[in-house]
Amino acid sequence: MNPVRILDIGDMQNGFLQPDGRLSIAGAHGIIGPANAFLRAAAESGLFDHTLVVMDTHFSEEYAHSQESRQFPLHCEYGTRDWELAVDVPGLPNLRYLLKNRFSMWLERDGSGAGIRDPVRKAAYENLYRFVEGPHDPRNGVVRDEYLRSIMHGGNGAAPEVTLFGVAADFCNRYAMEGWVARGARITILGDLTRGIKKEWPEVLSEVRYRSIGPGSVRVMSSREFLEE
């Protein structure tokens, strides 16, 4: 039985990857070119069945009241250049987007959104943590776990294989990994296409909290090794 193959692209946005980003991560700009090369190869060779693009998405109307504002300035505000993707994803299969305003893609939105008046921004807020077909006009979103249940096993019961890359290894990406593990997926992290704010993946995975992850559940390799494999 062939497992469903899912590509999870995490927060590859200008706010994190560009030198002038509101929360620019040291060294992250250098992964844009290799990431685009990998995405082109993936699109051309049909490596994946589904593509999930996760985007950090904040709103100035409520950010000051969020938990995240205690650690970081406002960044990736919806509709700004800071929020836009820094990589090219058109051509990837079954492309869906998930917008989130907390570190983890597995939580629910933080705040009430009561101060958001613009109809497009309000629609984006109301579709946080739902899968949508396009981030610029996010309507009719599908509940996150409902959508994932519909794609993860493809009717054959095999554990899905999730390939994960993006930023930041020690924040949003670690939580993405945790959620996929909890859902029974086997995970490959593309280490050369990932950057952390304070820790990179080897240091993250060495933490005591991850010692219980079963062998074979999570591995780290380069995008070149993945394509060769």
C-alpha atoms as a PDB file:
ATOM      1  CA  MET A   1       0.000   0.000   0.000  1.00  0.00           C
ATOM      2  CA  ASN A   2       1.386   3.381  -0.978  1.00  0.00           C
ATOM      3  CA  PRO A   3       1.083   5.991   1.796  1.00  0.00           C
ATOM      4  CA  VAL A   4      -0.332   9.440   1.144  1.00  0.00           C
ATOM      5  CA  ARG A   5       2.548  11.901   0.702  1.00  0.00           C
ATOM      6  CA  ILE A   6       1.995  15.360   2.172  1.00  0.00           C
ATOM      7  CA  LEU A   7       4.262  18.404   1.860  1.00  0.00           C
ATOM      8  CA  ASP A   8       3.944  20.862   4.773  1.00  0.00           C
ATOM      9  CA  ILE A   9       5.518  24.275   4.058  1.00  0.00           C
ATOM     10  CA  GLY A  10       5.684  26.295   7.258  1.00  0.00           C
ATOM     11  CA  ASP A  11       5.704  30.115   7.455  1.00  0.00           C
ATOM     12  CA  MET A  12       7.986  30.701   4.467  1.00  0.00           C
ATOM     13  CA  GLN A  13       7.043  34.384   4.467  1.00  0.00           C
ATOM     14  CA  ASN A  14       8.836  37.671   3.881  1.00  0.00           C
ATOM     15  CA  GLY A  15       8.473  38.665   7.509  1.00  0.00           C
ATOM     16  CA  PHE A  16      10.787  35.832   8.521  1.00  0.00           C
ATOM     17  CA  LEU A  17      12.962  35.278   5.455  1.00  0.00           C
ATOM     18  CA  GLN A  18      13.717  38.715   4.027  1.00  0.00           C
ATOM     19  CA  PRO A  19      16.402  40.926   5.604  1.00  0.00           C
ATOM     20  CA  ASP A  20      13.826  43.725   6.040  1.00  0.00           C
ATOM     21  CA  GLY A  21      11.185  41.425   7.531  1.00  0.00           C
ATOM     22  CA  ARG A  22       9.562  42.463  10.782  1.00  0.00           C
ATOM     23  CA  LEU A  23      10.870  39.275  12.429  1.00  0.00           C
ATOM     24  CA  SER A  24      13.772  38.440  10.133  1.00  0.00           C
ATOM     25  CA  ILE A  25      15.568  35.225  11.151  1.00  0.00           C
ATOM     26  CA  ALA A  26      19.343  35.117  10.831  1.00  0.00           C
ATOM     27  CA  GLY A  27      20.364  33.045   7.814  1.00  0.00           C
ATOM     28  CA  ALA A  28      16.794  32.445   6.669  1.00  0.00           C
ATOM     29  CA  HIS A  29      17.118  34.514   3.488  1.00  0.00           C
ATOM     30  CA  GLY A  30      19.634  31.958   2.221  1.00  0.00           C
ATOM     31  CA  ILE A  31      17.084  29.143   2.117  1.00  0.00           C
ATOM     32  CA  ILE A  32      14.750  30.880  -0.363  1.00  0.00           C
ATOM     33  CA  GLY A  33      16.688  29.855  -3.486  1.00  0.00           C
ATOM     34  CA  PRO A  34      17.200  26.210  -2.427  1.00  0.00           C
ATOM     35  CA  ALA A  35      13.574  25.983  -1.321  1.00  0.00           C
ATOM     36  CA  ASN A  36      12.330  27.202  -4.702  1.00  0.00           C
ATOM     37  CA  ALA A  37      14.622  24.738  -6.471  1.00  0.00           C
ATOM     38  CA  PHE A  38      13.202  21.925  -4.352  1.00  0.00           C
ATOM     39  CA  LEU A  39       9.621  23.038  -4.991  1.00  0.00           C
ATOM     40  CA  ARG A  40      10.209  23.091  -8.757  1.00  0.00           C
ATOM     41  CA  ALA A  41      11.663  19.591  -8.624  1.00  0.00           C
ATOM     42  CA  ALA A  42       8.765  18.391  -6.484  1.00  0.00           C
ATOM     43  CA  ALA A  43       6.185  19.842  -8.880  1.00  0.00           C
ATOM     44  CA  GLU A  44       7.877  18.357 -11.933  1.00  0.00           C
ATOM     45  CA  SER A  45       8.388  14.879 -10.519  1.00  0.00           C
ATOM     46  CA  GLY A  46       5.093  14.379  -8.670  1.00  0.00           C
ATOM     47  CA  LEU A  47       6.702  13.656  -5.317  1.00  0.00           C
ATOM     48  CA  PHE A  48       3.658  14.615  -3.281  1.00  0.00           C
ATOM     49  CA  ASP A  49      -0.080  14.028  -3.287  1.00  0.00           C
ATOM     50  CA  HIS A  50      -1.058  17.087  -1.248  1.00  0.00           C
ATOM     51  CA  THR A  51       0.550  20.430  -0.428  1.00  0.00           C
ATOM     52  CA  LEU A  52      -0.253  22.366   2.739  1.00  0.00           C
ATOM     53  CA  VAL A  53       1.051  25.927   3.010  1.00  0.00           C
ATOM     54  CA  VAL A  54       0.874  27.252   6.570  1.00  0.00           C
ATOM     55  CA  MET A  55       1.062  31.041   6.947  1.00  0.00           C
ATOM     56  CA  ASP A  56       1.555  33.085  10.098  1.00  0.00           C
ATOM     57  CA  THR A  57      -1.249  35.648   9.970  1.00  0.00           C
ATOM     58  CA  HIS A  58      -1.717  38.518  12.399  1.00  0.00           C
ATOM     59  CA  PHE A  59      -4.016  41.524  12.621  1.00  0.00           C
ATOM     60  CA  SER A  60      -3.007  44.906  14.039  1.00  0.00           C
ATOM     61  CA  GLU A  61      -6.488  45.308  15.518  1.00  0.00           C
ATOM     62  CA  GLU A  62      -5.826  42.587  18.080  1.00  0.00           C
ATOM     63  CA  TYR A  63      -2.139  41.668  18.130  1.00  0.00           C
ATOM     64  CA  ALA A  64      -1.296  43.750  21.202  1.00  0.00           C
ATOM     65  CA  HIS A  65      -3.663  41.574  23.244  1.00  0.00           C
ATOM     66  CA  SER A  66      -2.130  38.266  22.127  1.00  0.00           C
ATOM     67  CA  GLN A  67       0.278  36.034  24.001  1.00  0.00           C
ATOM     68  CA  GLU A  68       2.736  36.262  21.118  1.00  0.00           C
ATOM     69  CA  SER A  69       3.052  40.043  21.444  1.00  0.00           C
ATOM     70  CA  ARG A  70       4.874  39.487  24.743  1.00  0.00           C
ATOM     71  CA  GLN A  71       7.771  37.926  22.818  1.00  0.00           C
ATOM     72  CA  PHE A  72       7.732  39.431  19.326  1.00  0.00           C
ATOM     73  CA  PRO A  73       6.689  42.654  17.560  1.00  0.00           C
ATOM     74  CA  LEU A  74       3.782  42.653  15.134  1.00  0.00           C
ATOM     75  CA  HIS A  75       4.802  40.682  12.056  1.00  0.00           C
ATOM     76  CA  CYS A  76       3.207  38.922   9.088  1.00  0.00           C
ATOM     77  CA  GLU A  77       0.189  41.217   9.251  1.00  0.00           C
ATOM     78  CA  TYR A  78      -2.487  40.004   6.885  1.00  0.00           C
ATOM     79  CA  GLY A  79      -2.316  41.549   3.418  1.00  0.00           C
ATOM     80  CA  THR A  80       1.079  43.215   3.838  1.00  0.00           C
ATOM     81  CA  ARG A  81       4.321  42.386   2.029  1.00  0.00           C
ATOM     82  CA  ASP A  82       5.607  41.040   5.360  1.00  0.00           C
ATOM     83  CA  TRP A  83       2.832  38.422   5.252  1.00  0.00           C
ATOM     84  CA  GLU A  84       3.327  37.341   1.623  1.00  0.00           C
ATOM     85  CA  LEU A  85       5.137  34.110   0.764  1.00  0.00           C
ATOM     86  CA  ALA A  86       8.831  34.375  -0.085  1.00  0.00           C
ATOM     87  CA  VAL A  87       8.721  31.155  -2.138  1.00  0.00           C
ATOM     88  CA  ASP A  88       6.846  30.016  -5.248  1.00  0.00           C
ATOM     89  CA  VAL A  89       4.193  27.340  -4.723  1.00  0.00           C
ATOM     90  CA  PRO A  90       2.030  27.340  -7.909  1.00  0.00           C
ATOM     91  CA  GLY A  91       2.100  23.981  -9.677  1.00  0.00           C
ATOM     92  CA  LEU A  92       2.241  21.910  -6.506  1.00  0.00           C
ATOM     93  CA  PRO A  93      -0.515  19.288  -6.199  1.00  0.00           C
ATOM     94  CA  ASN A  94      -3.769  19.774  -4.278  1.00  0.00           C
ATOM     95  CA  LEU A  95      -2.596  23.083  -2.855  1.00  0.00           C
ATOM     96  CA  ARG A  96      -4.340  24.358   0.271  1.00  0.00           C
ATOM     97  CA  TYR A  97      -3.494  27.124   2.731  1.00  0.00           C
ATOM     98  CA  LEU A  98      -3.925  27.342   6.486  1.00  0.00           C
ATOM     99  CA  LEU A  99      -3.685  30.768   8.123  1.00  0.00           C
ATOM    100  CA  LYS A 100      -2.876  30.879  11.850  1.00  0.00           C
ATOM    101  CA  ASN A 101      -2.362  33.578  14.472  1.00  0.00           C
ATOM    102  CA  ARG A 102      -0.633  31.417  17.081  1.00  0.00           C
ATOM    103  CA  PHE A 103       2.612  29.444  17.074  1.00  0.00           C
ATOM    104  CA  SER A 104       0.953  26.072  16.547  1.00  0.00           C
ATOM    105  CA  MET A 105      -1.110  25.141  13.499  1.00  0.00           C
ATOM    106  CA  TRP A 106      -3.037  22.726  15.738  1.00  0.00           C
ATOM    107  CA  LEU A 107      -4.635  25.332  18.023  1.00  0.00           C
ATOM    108  CA  GLU A 108      -7.576  27.660  17.473  1.00  0.00           C
ATOM    109  CA  ARG A 109      -7.502  31.391  16.845  1.00  0.00           C
ATOM    110  CA  ASP A 110      -6.449  33.723  19.638  1.00  0.00           C
ATOM    111  CA  GLY A 111      -8.712  36.727  20.259  1.00  0.00           C
ATOM    112  CA  SER A 112     -12.190  37.780  19.240  1.00  0.00           C
ATOM    113  CA  GLY A 113     -11.439  39.820  16.122  1.00  0.00           C
ATOM    114  CA  ALA A 114     -14.058  42.316  17.288  1.00  0.00           C
ATOM    115  CA  GLY A 115     -12.060  45.304  16.030  1.00  0.00           C
ATOM    116  CA  ILE A 116     -11.684  44.034  12.462  1.00  0.00           C
ATOM    117  CA  ARG A 117     -14.030  45.966  10.179  1.00  0.00           C
ATOM    118  CA  ASP A 118     -12.657  45.458   6.657  1.00  0.00           C
ATOM    119  CA  PRO A 119     -14.663  42.585   5.079  1.00  0.00           C
ATOM    120  CA  VAL A 120     -11.656  40.867   3.474  1.00  0.00           C
ATOM    121  CA  ARG A 121      -9.620  41.021   6.691  1.00  0.00           C
ATOM    122  CA  LYS A 122     -12.639  39.828   8.652  1.00  0.00           C
ATOM    123  CA  ALA A 123     -13.089  36.864   6.296  1.00  0.00           C
ATOM    124  CA  ALA A 124      -9.413  36.000   6.730  1.00  0.00           C
ATOM    125  CA  TYR A 125      -9.781  36.154  10.501  1.00  0.00           C
ATOM    126  CA  GLU A 126     -12.903  34.023  10.507  1.00  0.00           C
ATOM    127  CA  ASN A 127     -11.156  31.367   8.399  1.00  0.00           C
ATOM    128  CA  LEU A 128      -8.074  31.060  10.593  1.00  0.00           C
ATOM    129  CA  TYR A 129      -7.197  27.402  11.264  1.00  0.00           C
ATOM    130  CA  ARG A 130      -9.301  26.265   8.326  1.00  0.00           C
ATOM    131  CA  PHE A 131      -7.964  25.084   4.996  1.00  0.00           C
ATOM    132  CA  VAL A 132      -8.732  27.485   2.153  1.00  0.00           C
ATOM    133  CA  GLU A 133      -7.991  27.424  -1.561  1.00  0.00           C
ATOM    134  CA  GLY A 134      -6.375  30.873  -1.607  1.00  0.00           C
ATOM    135  CA  PRO A 135      -4.982  33.119   1.143  1.00  0.00           C
ATOM    136  CA  HIS A 136      -5.940  36.417  -0.514  1.00  0.00           C
ATOM    137  CA  ASP A 137      -9.641  35.566  -0.666  1.00  0.00           C
ATOM    138  CA  PRO A 138     -10.059  33.063   2.175  1.00  0.00           C
ATOM    139  CA  ARG A 139     -13.692  32.031   2.111  1.00  0.00           C
ATOM    140  CA  ASN A 140     -15.539  28.775   2.768  1.00  0.00           C
ATOM    141  CA  GLY A 141     -12.674  27.271   4.724  1.00  0.00           C
ATOM    142  CA  VAL A 142     -12.790  23.598   5.679  1.00  0.00           C
ATOM    143  CA  VAL A 143     -12.233  22.728   9.333  1.00  0.00           C
ATOM    144  CA  ARG A 144      -8.590  21.741   9.743  1.00  0.00           C
ATOM    145  CA  ASP A 145      -8.934  18.243  11.167  1.00  0.00           C
ATOM    146  CA  GLU A 146     -11.918  17.445   8.984  1.00  0.00           C
ATOM    147  CA  TYR A 147      -9.846  18.234   5.899  1.00  0.00           C
ATOM    148  CA  LEU A 148      -6.840  16.279   7.152  1.00  0.00           C
ATOM    149  CA  ARG A 149      -8.950  13.213   7.882  1.00  0.00           C
ATOM    150  CA  SER A 150     -10.159  13.334   4.289  1.00  0.00           C
ATOM    151  CA  ILE A 151      -6.629  13.182   2.846  1.00  0.00           C
ATOM    152  CA  MET A 152      -4.334  11.486   5.347  1.00  0.00           C
ATOM    153  CA  HIS A 153      -4.930   7.808   4.669  1.00  0.00           C
ATOM    154  CA  GLY A 154      -6.299   7.736   1.167  1.00  0.00           C
ATOM    155  CA  GLY A 155      -8.513   4.817   2.038  1.00  0.00           C
ATOM    156  CA  ASN A 156      -5.645   2.336   2.474  1.00  0.00           C
ATOM    157  CA  GLY A 157      -4.882   2.724   6.181  1.00  0.00           C
ATOM    158  CA  ALA A 158      -1.140   3.303   5.675  1.00  0.00           C
ATOM    159  CA  ALA A 159       0.516   5.963   7.839  1.00  0.00           C
ATOM    160  CA  PRO A 160       0.871   9.172   5.833  1.00  0.00           C
ATOM    161  CA  GLU A 161       4.333  10.470   5.044  1.00  0.00           C
ATOM    162  CA  VAL A 162       4.759  14.170   5.798  1.00  0.00           C
ATOM    163  CA  THR A 163       7.710  16.188   4.524  1.00  0.00           C
ATOM    164  CA  LEU A 164       8.182  19.368   6.527  1.00  0.00           C
ATOM    165  CA  PHE A 165      10.294  22.480   6.072  1.00  0.00           C
ATOM    166  CA  GLY A 166      10.210  26.195   6.853  1.00  0.00           C
ATOM    167  CA  VAL A 167      10.607  28.468   9.841  1.00  0.00           C
ATOM    168  CA  ALA A 168      11.140  28.506  12.665  1.00  0.00           C
ATOM    169  CA  ALA A 169      12.505  25.158  13.762  1.00  0.00           C
ATOM    170  CA  ASP A 170      12.216  26.003  17.455  1.00  0.00           C
ATOM    171  CA  PHE A 171       8.762  27.580  17.298  1.00  0.00           C
ATOM    172  CA  CYS A 172       6.056  26.886  14.701  1.00  0.00           C
ATOM    173  CA  ASN A 173       7.787  23.964  13.012  1.00  0.00           C
ATOM    174  CA  ARG A 174       8.356  22.033  16.212  1.00  0.00           C
ATOM    175  CA  TYR A 175       4.633  22.267  16.968  1.00  0.00           C
ATOM    176  CA  ALA A 176       3.798  21.174  13.439  1.00  0.00           C
ATOM    177  CA  MET A 177       5.967  18.096  13.965  1.00  0.00           C
ATOM    178  CA  GLU A 178       4.323  17.320  17.306  1.00  0.00           C
ATOM    179  CA  GLY A 179       0.858  17.434  15.768  1.00  0.00           C
ATOM    180  CA  TRP A 180       1.792  15.190  12.866  1.00  0.00           C
ATOM    181  CA  VAL A 181       3.368  12.665  15.249  1.00  0.00           C
ATOM    182  CA  ALA A 182       0.186  12.685  17.356  1.00  0.00           C
ATOM    183  CA  ARG A 183      -1.789  11.945  14.190  1.00  0.00           C
ATOM    184  CA  GLY A 184       0.304   8.918  13.343  1.00  0.00           C
ATOM    185  CA  ALA A 185       2.332  10.351  10.466  1.00  0.00           C
ATOM    186  CA  ARG A 186       5.918   9.544   9.566  1.00  0.00           C
ATOM    187  CA  ILE A 187       7.867  12.771   9.211  1.00  0.00           C
ATOM    188  CA  THR A 188      10.862  13.864   7.162  1.00  0.00           C
ATOM    189  CA  ILE A 189      12.316  17.268   8.047  1.00  0.00           C
ATOM    190  CA  LEU A 190      14.361  18.959   5.332  1.00  0.00           C
ATOM    191  CA  GLY A 191      17.049  20.446   7.518  1.00  0.00           C
ATOM    192  CA  ASP A 192      18.704  22.594   4.865  1.00  0.00           C
ATOM    193  CA  LEU A 193      15.399  24.341   4.113  1.00  0.00           C
ATOM    194  CA  THR A 194      14.687  25.149   7.746  1.00  0.00           C
ATOM    195  CA  ARG A 195      16.008  27.777  10.163  1.00  0.00           C
ATOM    196  CA  GLY A 196      15.422  28.398  13.847  1.00  0.00           C
ATOM    197  CA  ILE A 197      15.403  31.564  15.913  1.00  0.00           C
ATOM    198  CA  LYS A 198      17.482  30.197  18.784  1.00  0.00           C
ATOM    199  CA  LYS A 199      17.771  26.463  18.002  1.00  0.00           C
ATOM    200  CA  GLU A 200      18.146  24.378  14.853  1.00  0.00           C
ATOM    201  CA  TRP A 201      16.553  20.959  14.397  1.00  0.00           C
ATOM    202  CA  PRO A 202      19.325  18.768  15.893  1.00  0.00           C
ATOM    203  CA  GLU A 203      19.170  20.752  19.125  1.00  0.00           C
ATOM    204  CA  VAL A 204      15.377  20.806  19.103  1.00  0.00           C
ATOM    205  CA  LEU A 205      15.097  17.043  18.651  1.00  0.00           C
ATOM    206  CA  SER A 206      17.627  16.423  21.431  1.00  0.00           C
ATOM    207  CA  GLU A 207      15.250  17.918  23.987  1.00  0.00           C
ATOM    208  CA  VAL A 208      13.967  15.580  26.692  1.00  0.00           C
ATOM    209  CA  ARG A 209      10.360  16.096  25.562  1.00  0.00           C
ATOM    210  CA  TYR A 210      11.062  14.261  22.290  1.00  0.00           C
ATOM    211  CA  ARG A 211      12.788  11.184  23.681  1.00  0.00           C
ATOM    212  CA  SER A 212       9.509   9.296  23.619  1.00  0.00           C
ATOM    213  CA  ILE A 213       9.099   9.659  19.854  1.00  0.00           C
ATOM    214  CA  GLY A 214       9.316   6.192  18.379  1.00  0.00           C
ATOM    215  CA  PRO A 215      12.184   5.180  16.103  1.00  0.00           C
ATOM    216  CA  GLY A 216      11.442   5.840  12.464  1.00  0.00           C
ATOM    217  CA  SER A 217       8.766   8.427  13.224  1.00  0.00           C
ATOM    218  CA  VAL A 218      10.939  11.499  12.589  1.00  0.00           C
ATOM    219  CA  ARG A 219      14.087  11.904  10.518  1.00  0.00           C
ATOM    220  CA  VAL A 220      16.115  14.906   9.335  1.00  0.00           C
ATOM    221  CA  MET A 221      17.826  14.991   5.967  1.00  0.00           C
ATOM    222  CA  SER A 222      18.762  17.469   3.251  1.00  0.00           C
ATOM    223  CA  SER A 223      16.524  18.268   0.298  1.00  0.00           C
ATOM    224  CA  ARG A 224      19.197  16.851  -2.016  1.00  0.00           C
ATOM    225  CA  GLU A 225      19.228  13.553  -0.118  1.00  0.00           C
ATOM    226  CA  PHE A 226      15.439  13.474  -0.226  1.00  0.00           C
ATOM    227  CA  LEU A 227      15.315  13.986  -3.979  1.00  0.00           C
ATOM    228  CA  GLU A 228      18.004  11.347  -4.550  1.00  0.00           C
ATOM    229  CA  GLU A 229      16.108   8.901  -2.393  1.00  0.00           C
END
